[in-house]
C-alpha atoms as a PDB file:
ATOM      1  CA  MET A   1     108.294  79.261  69.643  1.00  0.00           C
ATOM      2  CA  THR A   2     107.640  82.819  70.807  1.00  0.00           C
ATOM      3  CA  ARG A   3     110.445  84.599  72.652  1.00  0.00           C
ATOM      4  CA  ILE A   4     109.136  86.427  75.730  1.00  0.00           C
ATOM      5  CA  ALA A   5     110.579  89.222  77.862  1.00  0.00           C
ATOM      6  CA  ILE A   6     108.961  90.036  81.204  1.00  0.00           C
ATOM      7  CA  VAL A   7     109.062  93.487  82.803  1.00  0.00           C
ATOM      8  CA  ALA A   8     107.758  93.896  86.372  1.00  0.00           C
ATOM      9  CA  GLU A   9     108.897  95.842  89.406  1.00  0.00           C
ATOM     10  CA  SER A  10     108.082  92.918  91.704  1.00  0.00           C
ATOM     11  CA  GLU A  11     110.697  90.169  91.704  1.00  0.00           C
ATOM     12  CA  GLU A  12     108.032  87.735  92.929  1.00  0.00           C
ATOM     13  CA  ILE A  13     105.759  88.490  89.968  1.00  0.00           C
ATOM     14  CA  ARG A  14     108.662  88.301  87.494  1.00  0.00           C
ATOM     15  CA  ALA A  15     109.613  84.874  88.819  1.00  0.00           C
ATOM     16  CA  ALA A  16     106.026  83.576  88.822  1.00  0.00           C
ATOM     17  CA  LEU A  17     105.380  84.710  85.250  1.00  0.00           C
ATOM     18  CA  ALA A  18     108.711  83.355  84.032  1.00  0.00           C
ATOM     19  CA  SER A  19     107.934  80.006  85.629  1.00  0.00           C
ATOM     20  CA  ALA A  20     104.362  79.821  84.313  1.00  0.00           C
ATOM     21  CA  LEU A  21     105.132  80.948  80.774  1.00  0.00           C
ATOM     22  CA  GLY A  22     108.392  79.032  80.642  1.00  0.00           C
ATOM     23  CA  ALA A  23     106.536  75.800  81.408  1.00  0.00           C
ATOM     24  CA  SER A  24     104.847  76.036  78.010  1.00  0.00           C
ATOM     25  CA  ALA A  25     106.623  74.680  74.948  1.00  0.00           C
ATOM     26  CA  ALA A  26     105.137  77.641  73.032  1.00  0.00           C
ATOM     27  CA  PHE A  27     107.296  80.191  74.860  1.00  0.00           C
ATOM     28  CA  GLU A  28     110.972  80.793  75.488  1.00  0.00           C
ATOM     29  CA  ILE A  29     111.798  83.318  78.221  1.00  0.00           C
ATOM     30  CA  VAL A  30     114.676  85.373  76.816  1.00  0.00           C
ATOM     31  CA  SER A  31     114.772  88.171  79.373  1.00  0.00           C
ATOM     32  CA  VAL A  32     113.341  89.232  82.733  1.00  0.00           C
ATOM     33  CA  GLY A  33     113.850  92.636  84.333  1.00  0.00           C
ATOM     34  CA  ALA A  34     112.458  95.393  86.524  1.00  0.00           C
ATOM     35  CA  SER A  35     112.387  97.915  83.657  1.00  0.00           C
ATOM     36  CA  ALA A  36     112.120  97.866  79.888  1.00  0.00           C
ATOM     37  CA  ALA A  37     115.733  99.032  79.661  1.00  0.00           C
ATOM     38  CA  GLU A  38     116.805  95.741  81.262  1.00  0.00           C
ATOM     39  CA  VAL A  39     115.186  93.362  78.774  1.00  0.00           C
ATOM     40  CA  SER A  40     116.589  91.882  75.591  1.00  0.00           C
ATOM     41  CA  SER A  41     115.664  93.200  72.170  1.00  0.00           C
ATOM     42  CA  ALA A  42     115.576  89.553  71.034  1.00  0.00           C
ATOM     43  CA  ALA A  43     112.051  89.187  72.444  1.00  0.00           C
ATOM     44  CA  ASP A  44     109.088  88.782  70.108  1.00  0.00           C
ATOM     45  CA  VAL A  45     106.699  89.820  72.910  1.00  0.00           C
ATOM     46  CA  ILE A  46     107.238  91.949  76.019  1.00  0.00           C
ATOM     47  CA  VAL A  47     104.921  91.323  78.958  1.00  0.00           C
ATOM     48  CA  ASN A  48     104.831  94.600  80.896  1.00  0.00           C
ATOM     49  CA  VAL A  49     103.295  94.289  84.370  1.00  0.00           C
ATOM     50  CA  ARG A  50     102.025  97.309  86.275  1.00  0.00           C
ATOM     51  CA  ASP A  51     100.541  97.600  89.739  1.00  0.00           C
ATOM     52  CA  ALA A  52      96.792  97.811  89.157  1.00  0.00           C
ATOM     53  CA  THR A  53      96.102  99.309  92.579  1.00  0.00           C
ATOM     54  CA  THR A  54      98.265 102.332  91.747  1.00  0.00           C
ATOM     55  CA  SER A  55      96.308 102.878  88.545  1.00  0.00           C
ATOM     56  CA  ILE A  56      92.957 102.496  90.319  1.00  0.00           C
ATOM     57  CA  ARG A  57      93.942 105.004  93.014  1.00  0.00           C
ATOM     58  CA  ALA A  58      95.119 107.518  90.411  1.00  0.00           C
ATOM     59  CA  LYS A  59      91.864 107.182  88.484  1.00  0.00           C
ATOM     60  CA  ARG A  60      89.788 107.637  91.641  1.00  0.00           C
ATOM     61  CA  GLY A  61      91.734 110.776  92.494  1.00  0.00           C
ATOM     62  CA  ALA A  62      91.228 112.205  89.007  1.00  0.00           C
ATOM     63  CA  ASN A  63      87.480 111.540  89.176  1.00  0.00           C
ATOM     64  CA  ALA A  64      86.986 112.870  92.709  1.00  0.00           C
ATOM     65  CA  GLY A  65      85.507 116.186  91.574  1.00  0.00           C
ATOM     66  CA  ALA A  66      83.349 114.640  88.845  1.00  0.00           C
ATOM     67  CA  GLU A  67      80.768 113.175  91.213  1.00  0.00           C
ATOM     68  CA  SER A  68      79.254 116.482  92.388  1.00  0.00           C
END
């Protein structure tokens, strides 16, 4: 069994991932938090969720001058 920690700012996403992964006999959810500082060091794997739209916007802004 793989021990999983979930890190996500969104409480809704944390809960959904914990529920989905926890339903599998292959995983044990050992920690869930909004930041890496909040999760247990007992985890074998840390699932770190980021907001993809923030990343996409940042990339678009950085590339704005490259299209000329």
